[in-house]
Amino acid sequence: CSSDLSAAREIEQRVAALVGAPVAALLKWDEEEQRLRRPATLGQPDDRRPRAVSTRVYTSQVPAVTGDAIADDAENADLYRRNGIQAILSAPVTTGETRIGVLSVYAPRATLFADDDLALVELLAKQTAVILTGRQLAEEAARMQAREEATRLKDDFLSAAAHDLKTPLTTLLGQAQRWEEHTSELQ
């Protein structure tokens, strides 16, 4: 969905800026495919690669920091080398018991304040969960309102149609009764 894509991009940009990292990624759980997906990069070749660190964080629901992305996620090592990424900070995006995904920040090196940065990423992941849940609830409310409006319009139409058809039908029924009486008199 286009609104999911724009929301994901905005969240990623703001998180990267707040943490002072070049890249952040919001990975959402895709129930159908049973894997994490990055809405902001759908269709790109590297979107289909599982991300070991993010998957571990999603599964355990425990934030993690790694200073050696290449060793901790060998399947994506080329991607990390190409983009100069050594450090990953990841936190689960969860609201209540509902797991939404993972928020990860990628950096060229681990900072001296990795624990503080991880706490910030965790806080931002919690805020992301609130934002995404709020958007989902607003979209569902809009869908329900549209359904209710469609039902009301349908009921109004059927009521008007029944009323508009009642007069001609009454006339036809009256004429049919008279015709029946007339034919029975002729017999």
N, C-alpha and C. Protein backbone atom coordinates (compact mmCIF):
# COMPACT_ATOMS: atom_id res chain seq x y z
N CYS A 1 0.85 -1.18 0.00
CA CYS A 1 0.00 0.00 0.00
C CYS A 1 0.90 1.25 0.00
N SER A 2 0.49 2.24 -0.73
CA SER A 2 1.27 3.47 -0.90
C SER A 2 1.45 4.22 0.42
N SER A 3 0.41 4.24 1.27
CA SER A 3 0.53 4.95 2.54
C SER A 3 1.49 4.22 3.47
N ASP A 4 1.52 2.87 3.43
CA ASP A 4 2.49 2.11 4.21
C ASP A 4 3.91 2.44 3.77
N LEU A 5 4.09 2.53 2.46
CA LEU A 5 5.40 2.82 1.90
C LEU A 5 5.88 4.20 2.34
N SER A 6 5.03 5.20 2.23
CA SER A 6 5.45 6.56 2.61
C SER A 6 5.66 6.67 4.12
N ALA A 7 4.84 5.98 4.90
CA ALA A 7 5.02 6.00 6.36
C ALA A 7 6.33 5.33 6.73
N ALA A 8 6.63 4.19 6.10
CA ALA A 8 7.88 3.48 6.39
C ALA A 8 9.08 4.34 6.03
N ARG A 9 9.05 4.96 4.88
CA ARG A 9 10.18 5.82 4.47
C ARG A 9 10.38 6.97 5.44
N GLU A 10 9.29 7.60 5.84
CA GLU A 10 9.40 8.73 6.76
C GLU A 10 9.95 8.28 8.11
N ILE A 11 9.47 7.16 8.61
CA ILE A 11 9.97 6.64 9.89
C ILE A 11 11.46 6.34 9.78
N GLU A 12 11.85 5.66 8.70
CA GLU A 12 13.26 5.32 8.51
C GLU A 12 14.15 6.56 8.46
N GLN A 13 13.73 7.56 7.72
CA GLN A 13 14.52 8.79 7.60
C GLN A 13 14.67 9.49 8.95
N ARG A 14 13.58 9.58 9.67
CA ARG A 14 13.62 10.28 10.96
C ARG A 14 14.44 9.53 11.99
N VAL A 15 14.30 8.21 12.01
CA VAL A 15 15.07 7.41 12.96
C VAL A 15 16.56 7.53 12.66
N ALA A 16 16.94 7.40 11.39
CA ALA A 16 18.36 7.53 11.02
C ALA A 16 18.89 8.89 11.46
N ALA A 17 18.12 9.95 11.24
CA ALA A 17 18.57 11.29 11.62
C ALA A 17 18.70 11.42 13.14
N LEU A 18 17.73 10.88 13.88
CA LEU A 18 17.78 10.98 15.34
C LEU A 18 18.96 10.21 15.94
N VAL A 19 19.29 9.08 15.36
CA VAL A 19 20.38 8.26 15.89
C VAL A 19 21.72 8.71 15.33
N GLY A 20 21.69 9.45 14.23
CA GLY A 20 22.94 9.90 13.61
C GLY A 20 23.58 8.82 12.77
N ALA A 21 22.75 7.98 12.17
CA ALA A 21 23.25 6.89 11.33
C ALA A 21 22.84 7.16 9.88
N PRO A 22 23.58 6.60 8.94
CA PRO A 22 23.22 6.85 7.54
C PRO A 22 21.93 6.15 7.09
N VAL A 23 21.61 4.99 7.71
CA VAL A 23 20.46 4.22 7.24
C VAL A 23 19.71 3.59 8.41
N ALA A 24 18.39 3.62 8.31
CA ALA A 24 17.53 2.87 9.23
C ALA A 24 16.55 2.10 8.37
N ALA A 25 16.09 0.98 8.88
CA ALA A 25 15.14 0.16 8.13
C ALA A 25 14.03 -0.32 9.05
N LEU A 26 12.81 -0.17 8.59
CA LEU A 26 11.65 -0.71 9.27
C LEU A 26 11.28 -1.99 8.54
N LEU A 27 11.39 -3.10 9.23
CA LEU A 27 11.04 -4.39 8.66
C LEU A 27 9.74 -4.84 9.31
N LYS A 28 8.72 -5.06 8.49
CA LYS A 28 7.42 -5.49 9.01
C LYS A 28 7.23 -6.97 8.75
N TRP A 29 6.58 -7.65 9.68
CA TRP A 29 6.33 -9.08 9.53
C TRP A 29 5.25 -9.29 8.48
N ASP A 30 5.54 -10.14 7.51
CA ASP A 30 4.59 -10.51 6.47
C ASP A 30 4.06 -11.89 6.83
N GLU A 31 2.83 -11.92 7.32
CA GLU A 31 2.23 -13.17 7.79
C GLU A 31 2.13 -14.20 6.68
N GLU A 32 1.79 -13.75 5.49
CA GLU A 32 1.62 -14.67 4.37
C GLU A 32 2.94 -15.36 4.00
N GLU A 33 4.03 -14.59 3.96
CA GLU A 33 5.32 -15.14 3.58
C GLU A 33 6.14 -15.63 4.78
N GLN A 34 5.64 -15.35 5.98
CA GLN A 34 6.32 -15.76 7.21
C GLN A 34 7.77 -15.25 7.26
N ARG A 35 7.91 -13.95 7.01
CA ARG A 35 9.24 -13.34 7.06
C ARG A 35 9.10 -11.84 7.22
N LEU A 36 10.23 -11.22 7.58
CA LEU A 36 10.28 -9.76 7.69
C LEU A 36 10.48 -9.17 6.30
N ARG A 37 9.78 -8.07 6.01
CA ARG A 37 9.91 -7.38 4.73
C ARG A 37 10.10 -5.90 5.00
N ARG A 38 10.84 -5.26 4.14
CA ARG A 38 11.06 -3.82 4.25
C ARG A 38 10.13 -3.12 3.26
N PRO A 39 9.03 -2.51 3.73
CA PRO A 39 8.09 -1.86 2.81
C PRO A 39 8.73 -0.81 1.92
N ALA A 40 9.76 -0.13 2.43
CA ALA A 40 10.38 0.96 1.66
C ALA A 40 11.24 0.45 0.51
N THR A 41 11.50 -0.86 0.42
CA THR A 41 12.32 -1.37 -0.67
C THR A 41 11.66 -2.53 -1.39
N LEU A 42 10.36 -2.63 -1.30
CA LEU A 42 9.68 -3.73 -1.98
C LEU A 42 10.05 -3.73 -3.45
N GLY A 43 10.33 -4.91 -3.96
CA GLY A 43 10.65 -5.03 -5.37
C GLY A 43 12.13 -4.95 -5.67
N GLN A 44 12.93 -4.51 -4.73
CA GLN A 44 14.37 -4.45 -4.96
C GLN A 44 14.97 -5.84 -4.70
N PRO A 45 16.03 -6.20 -5.39
CA PRO A 45 16.58 -7.55 -5.27
C PRO A 45 16.95 -7.97 -3.84
N ASP A 46 17.51 -7.06 -3.04
CA ASP A 46 17.95 -7.47 -1.71
C ASP A 46 16.81 -7.56 -0.71
N ASP A 47 15.58 -7.21 -1.12
CA ASP A 47 14.44 -7.27 -0.22
C ASP A 47 14.11 -8.70 0.18
N ARG A 48 14.46 -9.67 -0.62
CA ARG A 48 14.07 -11.05 -0.36
C ARG A 48 15.06 -11.78 0.56
N ARG A 49 16.15 -11.16 0.89
CA ARG A 49 17.13 -11.80 1.76
C ARG A 49 16.69 -11.71 3.22
N PRO A 50 16.70 -12.83 3.92
CA PRO A 50 16.39 -12.74 5.35
C PRO A 50 17.52 -12.00 6.06
N ARG A 51 17.19 -11.25 7.04
CA ARG A 51 18.20 -10.51 7.79
C ARG A 51 18.35 -11.19 9.15
N ALA A 52 19.51 -11.81 9.34
CA ALA A 52 19.73 -12.66 10.52
C ALA A 52 19.54 -11.90 11.83
N VAL A 53 20.13 -10.72 11.94
CA VAL A 53 20.05 -9.96 13.19
C VAL A 53 18.60 -9.56 13.45
N SER A 54 17.92 -9.02 12.44
CA SER A 54 16.53 -8.59 12.61
C SER A 54 15.62 -9.77 12.92
N THR A 55 15.83 -10.89 12.26
CA THR A 55 15.01 -12.07 12.51
C THR A 55 15.20 -12.55 13.94
N ARG A 56 16.44 -12.52 14.42
CA ARG A 56 16.74 -12.91 15.80
C ARG A 56 16.02 -11.98 16.79
N VAL A 57 16.06 -10.68 16.50
CA VAL A 57 15.41 -9.70 17.38
C VAL A 57 13.89 -9.89 17.35
N TYR A 58 13.34 -10.12 16.17
CA TYR A 58 11.89 -10.33 16.05
C TYR A 58 11.46 -11.57 16.83
N THR A 59 12.22 -12.64 16.66
CA THR A 59 11.88 -13.91 17.31
C THR A 59 12.00 -13.82 18.83
N SER A 60 13.09 -13.23 19.30
CA SER A 60 13.34 -13.16 20.75
C SER A 60 12.62 -11.99 21.42
N GLN A 61 12.28 -10.96 20.62
CA GLN A 61 11.69 -9.72 21.15
C GLN A 61 12.64 -9.02 22.12
N VAL A 62 13.94 -9.20 21.88
CA VAL A 62 14.97 -8.56 22.70
C VAL A 62 15.84 -7.71 21.79
N PRO A 63 16.01 -6.41 22.12
CA PRO A 63 16.86 -5.55 21.29
C PRO A 63 18.29 -6.07 21.25
N ALA A 64 18.98 -5.77 20.16
CA ALA A 64 20.36 -6.26 20.02
C ALA A 64 21.22 -5.23 19.31
N VAL A 65 22.51 -5.28 19.62
CA VAL A 65 23.50 -4.45 18.94
C VAL A 65 24.63 -5.37 18.51
N THR A 66 25.10 -5.16 17.30
CA THR A 66 26.25 -5.92 16.83
C THR A 66 27.25 -4.95 16.22
N GLY A 67 28.51 -5.15 16.51
CA GLY A 67 29.56 -4.31 15.95
C GLY A 67 30.21 -4.94 14.73
N ASP A 68 29.79 -6.16 14.40
CA ASP A 68 30.36 -6.87 13.25
C ASP A 68 29.23 -7.48 12.43
N ALA A 69 28.57 -6.64 11.66
CA ALA A 69 27.43 -7.07 10.86
C ALA A 69 27.79 -8.19 9.89
N ILE A 70 28.97 -8.12 9.32
CA ILE A 70 29.40 -9.11 8.33
C ILE A 70 29.48 -10.50 8.96
N ALA A 71 30.01 -10.59 10.16
CA ALA A 71 30.11 -11.89 10.84
C ALA A 71 28.75 -12.36 11.34
N ASP A 72 27.93 -11.43 11.82
CA ASP A 72 26.64 -11.81 12.40
C ASP A 72 25.55 -12.05 11.37
N ASP A 73 25.77 -11.64 10.14
CA ASP A 73 24.77 -11.83 9.07
C ASP A 73 25.51 -12.10 7.76
N ALA A 74 26.15 -13.26 7.71
CA ALA A 74 27.02 -13.61 6.58
C ALA A 74 26.28 -13.60 5.24
N GLU A 75 25.00 -13.94 5.24
CA GLU A 75 24.25 -13.99 3.98
C GLU A 75 24.16 -12.61 3.32
N ASN A 76 24.20 -11.56 4.13
CA ASN A 76 24.12 -10.20 3.60
C ASN A 76 25.48 -9.48 3.66
N ALA A 77 26.56 -10.23 3.83
CA ALA A 77 27.89 -9.64 3.99
C ALA A 77 28.26 -8.72 2.83
N ASP A 78 27.99 -9.14 1.61
CA ASP A 78 28.32 -8.30 0.44
C ASP A 78 27.57 -6.97 0.49
N LEU A 79 26.32 -7.03 0.86
CA LEU A 79 25.51 -5.82 0.98
C LEU A 79 26.12 -4.87 2.03
N TYR A 80 26.53 -5.43 3.16
CA TYR A 80 27.13 -4.61 4.22
C TYR A 80 28.48 -4.03 3.77
N ARG A 81 29.29 -4.84 3.13
CA ARG A 81 30.58 -4.34 2.63
C ARG A 81 30.38 -3.21 1.63
N ARG A 82 29.48 -3.43 0.67
CA ARG A 82 29.21 -2.43 -0.38
C ARG A 82 28.76 -1.10 0.22
N ASN A 83 28.01 -1.16 1.32
CA ASN A 83 27.48 0.05 1.92
C ASN A 83 28.27 0.53 3.14
N GLY A 84 29.39 -0.12 3.42
CA GLY A 84 30.24 0.30 4.53
C GLY A 84 29.58 0.15 5.89
N ILE A 85 28.80 -0.88 6.07
CA ILE A 85 28.08 -1.08 7.34
C ILE A 85 28.80 -2.12 8.19
N GLN A 86 29.08 -1.73 9.44
CA GLN A 86 29.68 -2.65 10.40
C GLN A 86 28.80 -2.88 11.61
N ALA A 87 28.02 -1.86 11.98
CA ALA A 87 27.22 -1.95 13.20
C ALA A 87 25.73 -1.96 12.87
N ILE A 88 24.99 -2.77 13.64
CA ILE A 88 23.53 -2.82 13.51
C ILE A 88 22.94 -2.73 14.90
N LEU A 89 21.98 -1.83 15.06
CA LEU A 89 21.21 -1.73 16.29
C LEU A 89 19.76 -2.06 15.90
N SER A 90 19.17 -3.06 16.55
CA SER A 90 17.81 -3.48 16.20
C SER A 90 16.95 -3.61 17.45
N ALA A 91 15.69 -3.21 17.31
CA ALA A 91 14.72 -3.34 18.40
C ALA A 91 13.39 -3.80 17.84
N PRO A 92 12.68 -4.64 18.61
CA PRO A 92 11.38 -5.12 18.13
C PRO A 92 10.35 -3.99 18.11
N VAL A 93 9.51 -4.01 17.09
CA VAL A 93 8.38 -3.07 16.99
C VAL A 93 7.16 -3.88 17.40
N THR A 94 6.72 -3.65 18.64
CA THR A 94 5.66 -4.46 19.23
C THR A 94 4.72 -3.56 20.01
N THR A 95 3.44 -3.89 19.93
CA THR A 95 2.47 -3.18 20.75
C THR A 95 1.64 -4.23 21.49
N GLY A 96 1.67 -4.16 22.82
CA GLY A 96 0.99 -5.19 23.61
C GLY A 96 1.60 -6.54 23.28
N GLU A 97 0.75 -7.47 22.88
CA GLU A 97 1.20 -8.81 22.48
C GLU A 97 1.37 -8.94 20.97
N THR A 98 1.10 -7.86 20.25
CA THR A 98 1.16 -7.91 18.78
C THR A 98 2.54 -7.54 18.28
N ARG A 99 3.16 -8.49 17.60
CA ARG A 99 4.47 -8.26 16.99
C ARG A 99 4.26 -7.67 15.60
N ILE A 100 4.84 -6.49 15.37
CA ILE A 100 4.68 -5.81 14.09
C ILE A 100 5.90 -6.02 13.21
N GLY A 101 7.10 -5.93 13.81
CA GLY A 101 8.32 -6.06 13.03
C GLY A 101 9.54 -5.67 13.83
N VAL A 102 10.52 -5.11 13.12
CA VAL A 102 11.80 -4.73 13.74
C VAL A 102 12.25 -3.39 13.15
N LEU A 103 12.81 -2.56 13.99
CA LEU A 103 13.42 -1.31 13.55
C LEU A 103 14.92 -1.46 13.72
N SER A 104 15.66 -1.31 12.61
CA SER A 104 17.11 -1.48 12.64
C SER A 104 17.80 -0.23 12.13
N VAL A 105 18.94 0.06 12.74
CA VAL A 105 19.77 1.18 12.33
C VAL A 105 21.12 0.61 11.92
N TYR A 106 21.61 1.03 10.76
CA TYR A 106 22.87 0.52 10.21
C TYR A 106 23.89 1.66 10.19
N ALA A 107 25.09 1.37 10.67
CA ALA A 107 26.13 2.40 10.77
C ALA A 107 27.48 1.85 10.34
N PRO A 108 28.40 2.75 9.95
CA PRO A 108 29.72 2.31 9.51
C PRO A 108 30.57 1.72 10.64
N ARG A 109 30.23 2.06 11.87
CA ARG A 109 30.98 1.51 13.01
C ARG A 109 30.12 1.65 14.26
N ALA A 110 30.46 0.82 15.24
CA ALA A 110 29.77 0.92 16.52
C ALA A 110 30.24 2.16 17.24
N THR A 111 29.35 2.81 17.93
CA THR A 111 29.72 4.02 18.67
C THR A 111 30.17 3.64 20.08
N LEU A 112 30.77 4.59 20.74
CA LEU A 112 31.15 4.39 22.14
C LEU A 112 29.92 4.26 23.02
N PHE A 113 28.83 4.84 22.56
CA PHE A 113 27.59 4.87 23.34
C PHE A 113 26.56 3.91 22.76
N ALA A 114 27.00 2.73 22.35
CA ALA A 114 26.11 1.76 21.70
C ALA A 114 24.91 1.41 22.57
N ASP A 115 25.10 1.25 23.88
CA ASP A 115 23.98 0.92 24.76
C ASP A 115 22.96 2.04 24.80
N ASP A 116 23.46 3.30 24.87
CA ASP A 116 22.55 4.45 24.85
C ASP A 116 21.83 4.54 23.52
N ASP A 117 22.56 4.32 22.43
CA ASP A 117 21.95 4.35 21.10
C ASP A 117 20.91 3.24 20.96
N LEU A 118 21.21 2.07 21.51
CA LEU A 118 20.25 0.96 21.45
C LEU A 118 19.00 1.31 22.25
N ALA A 119 19.16 1.94 23.40
CA ALA A 119 18.00 2.37 24.20
C ALA A 119 17.16 3.36 23.40
N LEU A 120 17.82 4.27 22.67
CA LEU A 120 17.10 5.22 21.83
C LEU A 120 16.35 4.50 20.70
N VAL A 121 17.00 3.55 20.07
CA VAL A 121 16.35 2.78 18.99
C VAL A 121 15.16 2.01 19.55
N GLU A 122 15.31 1.46 20.75
CA GLU A 122 14.21 0.74 21.38
C GLU A 122 13.03 1.68 21.65
N LEU A 123 13.32 2.87 22.15
CA LEU A 123 12.26 3.87 22.38
C LEU A 123 11.59 4.25 21.07
N LEU A 124 12.39 4.46 20.03
CA LEU A 124 11.84 4.81 18.72
C LEU A 124 11.02 3.66 18.13
N ALA A 125 11.43 2.42 18.40
CA ALA A 125 10.66 1.25 17.94
C ALA A 125 9.29 1.21 18.63
N LYS A 126 9.26 1.55 19.91
CA LYS A 126 7.99 1.58 20.64
C LYS A 126 7.08 2.67 20.07
N GLN A 127 7.67 3.84 19.77
CA GLN A 127 6.89 4.92 19.17
C GLN A 127 6.41 4.53 17.77
N THR A 128 7.25 3.82 17.04
CA THR A 128 6.86 3.34 15.71
C THR A 128 5.67 2.41 15.81
N ALA A 129 5.68 1.52 16.81
CA ALA A 129 4.55 0.61 17.01
C ALA A 129 3.26 1.38 17.26
N VAL A 130 3.35 2.43 18.08
CA VAL A 130 2.17 3.26 18.36
C VAL A 130 1.69 3.95 17.08
N ILE A 131 2.62 4.49 16.30
CA ILE A 131 2.25 5.17 15.06
C ILE A 131 1.60 4.20 14.08
N LEU A 132 2.22 3.05 13.87
CA LEU A 132 1.68 2.07 12.92
C LEU A 132 0.33 1.52 13.36
N THR A 133 0.19 1.27 14.66
CA THR A 133 -1.08 0.78 15.19
C THR A 133 -2.16 1.85 15.04
N GLY A 134 -1.80 3.09 15.32
CA GLY A 134 -2.76 4.19 15.17
C GLY A 134 -3.21 4.34 13.72
N ARG A 135 -2.27 4.24 12.80
CA ARG A 135 -2.61 4.32 11.37
C ARG A 135 -3.53 3.18 10.97
N GLN A 136 -3.22 1.98 11.46
CA GLN A 136 -4.03 0.81 11.13
C GLN A 136 -5.44 0.98 11.68
N LEU A 137 -5.56 1.47 12.91
CA LEU A 137 -6.88 1.68 13.51
C LEU A 137 -7.66 2.76 12.75
N ALA A 138 -6.97 3.83 12.35
CA ALA A 138 -7.64 4.90 11.59
C ALA A 138 -8.12 4.38 10.24
N GLU A 139 -7.30 3.56 9.58
CA GLU A 139 -7.70 3.00 8.28
C GLU A 139 -8.89 2.06 8.45
N GLU A 140 -8.87 1.26 9.51
CA GLU A 140 -9.99 0.34 9.77
C GLU A 140 -11.26 1.13 10.08
N ALA A 141 -11.14 2.20 10.85
CA ALA A 141 -12.30 3.04 11.16
C ALA A 141 -12.86 3.66 9.88
N ALA A 142 -11.98 4.11 8.99
CA ALA A 142 -12.44 4.68 7.72
C ALA A 142 -13.15 3.63 6.87
N ARG A 143 -12.61 2.39 6.85
CA ARG A 143 -13.27 1.31 6.10
C ARG A 143 -14.64 1.01 6.68
N MET A 144 -14.74 0.97 8.01
CA MET A 144 -16.03 0.69 8.66
C MET A 144 -17.02 1.80 8.36
N GLN A 145 -16.56 3.03 8.40
CA GLN A 145 -17.43 4.16 8.12
C GLN A 145 -17.92 4.10 6.67
N ALA A 146 -17.04 3.75 5.75
CA ALA A 146 -17.42 3.63 4.35
C ALA A 146 -18.45 2.52 4.16
N ARG A 147 -18.26 1.38 4.87
CA ARG A 147 -19.23 0.28 4.79
C ARG A 147 -20.59 0.71 5.34
N GLU A 148 -20.56 1.41 6.47
CA GLU A 148 -21.82 1.89 7.06
C GLU A 148 -22.53 2.86 6.12
N GLU A 149 -21.76 3.74 5.50
CA GLU A 149 -22.35 4.70 4.55
C GLU A 149 -22.94 3.97 3.34
N ALA A 150 -22.23 2.95 2.85
CA ALA A 150 -22.73 2.17 1.71
C ALA A 150 -24.02 1.45 2.09
N THR A 151 -24.06 0.90 3.29
CA THR A 151 -25.28 0.21 3.76
C THR A 151 -26.43 1.20 3.88
N ARG A 152 -26.15 2.39 4.42
CA ARG A 152 -27.20 3.41 4.56
C ARG A 152 -27.73 3.83 3.20
N LEU A 153 -26.81 4.05 2.24
CA LEU A 153 -27.23 4.44 0.89
C LEU A 153 -28.06 3.34 0.23
N LYS A 154 -27.66 2.09 0.43
CA LYS A 154 -28.41 0.97 -0.13
C LYS A 154 -29.81 0.92 0.48
N ASP A 155 -29.89 1.07 1.80
CA ASP A 155 -31.19 1.06 2.48
C ASP A 155 -32.07 2.21 2.00
N ASP A 156 -31.46 3.40 1.86
CA ASP A 156 -32.21 4.56 1.36
C ASP A 156 -32.74 4.29 -0.06
N PHE A 157 -31.88 3.72 -0.90
CA PHE A 157 -32.30 3.41 -2.28
C PHE A 157 -33.44 2.41 -2.29
N LEU A 158 -33.31 1.33 -1.53
CA LEU A 158 -34.36 0.30 -1.51
C LEU A 158 -35.67 0.86 -0.96
N SER A 159 -35.56 1.71 0.05
CA SER A 159 -36.76 2.33 0.61
C SER A 159 -37.44 3.23 -0.42
N ALA A 160 -36.63 4.05 -1.11
CA ALA A 160 -37.19 4.94 -2.13
C ALA A 160 -37.75 4.13 -3.29
N ALA A 161 -37.05 3.07 -3.70
CA ALA A 161 -37.52 2.24 -4.81
C ALA A 161 -38.82 1.56 -4.43
N ALA A 162 -38.91 1.04 -3.21
CA ALA A 162 -40.15 0.39 -2.77
C ALA A 162 -41.30 1.39 -2.75
N HIS A 163 -41.03 2.59 -2.27
CA HIS A 163 -42.07 3.61 -2.24
C HIS A 163 -42.50 4.00 -3.65
N ASP A 164 -41.51 4.21 -4.52
CA ASP A 164 -41.81 4.61 -5.90
C ASP A 164 -42.54 3.52 -6.67
N LEU A 165 -42.27 2.27 -6.36
CA LEU A 165 -42.93 1.17 -7.05
C LEU A 165 -44.31 0.86 -6.48
N LYS A 166 -44.57 1.28 -5.23
CA LYS A 166 -45.83 0.96 -4.56
C LYS A 166 -47.03 1.54 -5.31
N THR A 167 -46.96 2.79 -5.75
CA THR A 167 -48.08 3.42 -6.43
C THR A 167 -48.41 2.72 -7.75
N PRO A 168 -47.47 2.50 -8.64
CA PRO A 168 -47.81 1.80 -9.89
C PRO A 168 -48.29 0.37 -9.64
N LEU A 169 -47.70 -0.30 -8.66
CA LEU A 169 -48.13 -1.67 -8.38
C LEU A 169 -49.56 -1.70 -7.84
N THR A 170 -49.88 -0.74 -7.00
CA THR A 170 -51.25 -0.67 -6.47
C THR A 170 -52.24 -0.47 -7.61
N THR A 171 -51.91 0.41 -8.53
CA THR A 171 -52.77 0.66 -9.70
C THR A 171 -52.91 -0.61 -10.54
N LEU A 172 -51.81 -1.28 -10.80
CA LEU A 172 -51.84 -2.51 -11.59
C LEU A 172 -52.65 -3.59 -10.90
N LEU A 173 -52.47 -3.72 -9.58
CA LEU A 173 -53.23 -4.73 -8.85
C LEU A 173 -54.72 -4.42 -8.92
N GLY A 174 -55.07 -3.15 -8.78
CA GLY A 174 -56.48 -2.75 -8.88
C GLY A 174 -57.05 -3.07 -10.26
N GLN A 175 -56.29 -2.77 -11.29
CA GLN A 175 -56.75 -3.06 -12.65
C GLN A 175 -56.86 -4.57 -12.88
N ALA A 176 -55.94 -5.32 -12.33
CA ALA A 176 -55.98 -6.77 -12.48
C ALA A 176 -57.21 -7.34 -11.79
N GLN A 177 -57.55 -6.81 -10.63
CA GLN A 177 -58.73 -7.29 -9.92
C GLN A 177 -60.00 -6.97 -10.72
N ARG A 178 -60.04 -5.75 -11.25
CA ARG A 178 -61.20 -5.38 -12.06
C ARG A 178 -61.30 -6.26 -13.31
N TRP A 179 -60.18 -6.54 -13.94
CA TRP A 179 -60.16 -7.37 -15.13
C TRP A 179 -60.63 -8.79 -14.80
N GLU A 180 -60.17 -9.28 -13.63
CA GLU A 180 -60.58 -10.60 -13.20
C GLU A 180 -62.08 -10.64 -12.94
N GLU A 181 -62.60 -9.59 -12.28
CA GLU A 181 -64.04 -9.52 -12.01
C GLU A 181 -64.82 -9.45 -13.32
N HIS A 182 -64.29 -8.67 -14.25
CA HIS A 182 -64.95 -8.51 -15.54
C HIS A 182 -64.98 -9.83 -16.32
N THR A 183 -63.86 -10.56 -16.32
CA THR A 183 -63.82 -11.83 -17.04
C THR A 183 -64.68 -12.87 -16.38
N SER A 184 -64.82 -12.84 -15.04
CA SER A 184 -65.67 -13.82 -14.35
C SER A 184 -67.15 -13.52 -14.62
N GLU A 185 -67.50 -12.25 -14.84
CA GLU A 185 -68.88 -11.89 -15.17
C GLU A 185 -69.23 -12.35 -16.57
N LEU A 186 -68.26 -12.35 -17.46
CA LEU A 186 -68.50 -12.77 -18.83
C LEU A 186 -68.70 -14.27 -18.94
N GLN A 187 -68.25 -15.00 -18.02
CA GLN A 187 -68.37 -16.46 -18.11
C GLN A 187 -69.65 -16.92 -17.58
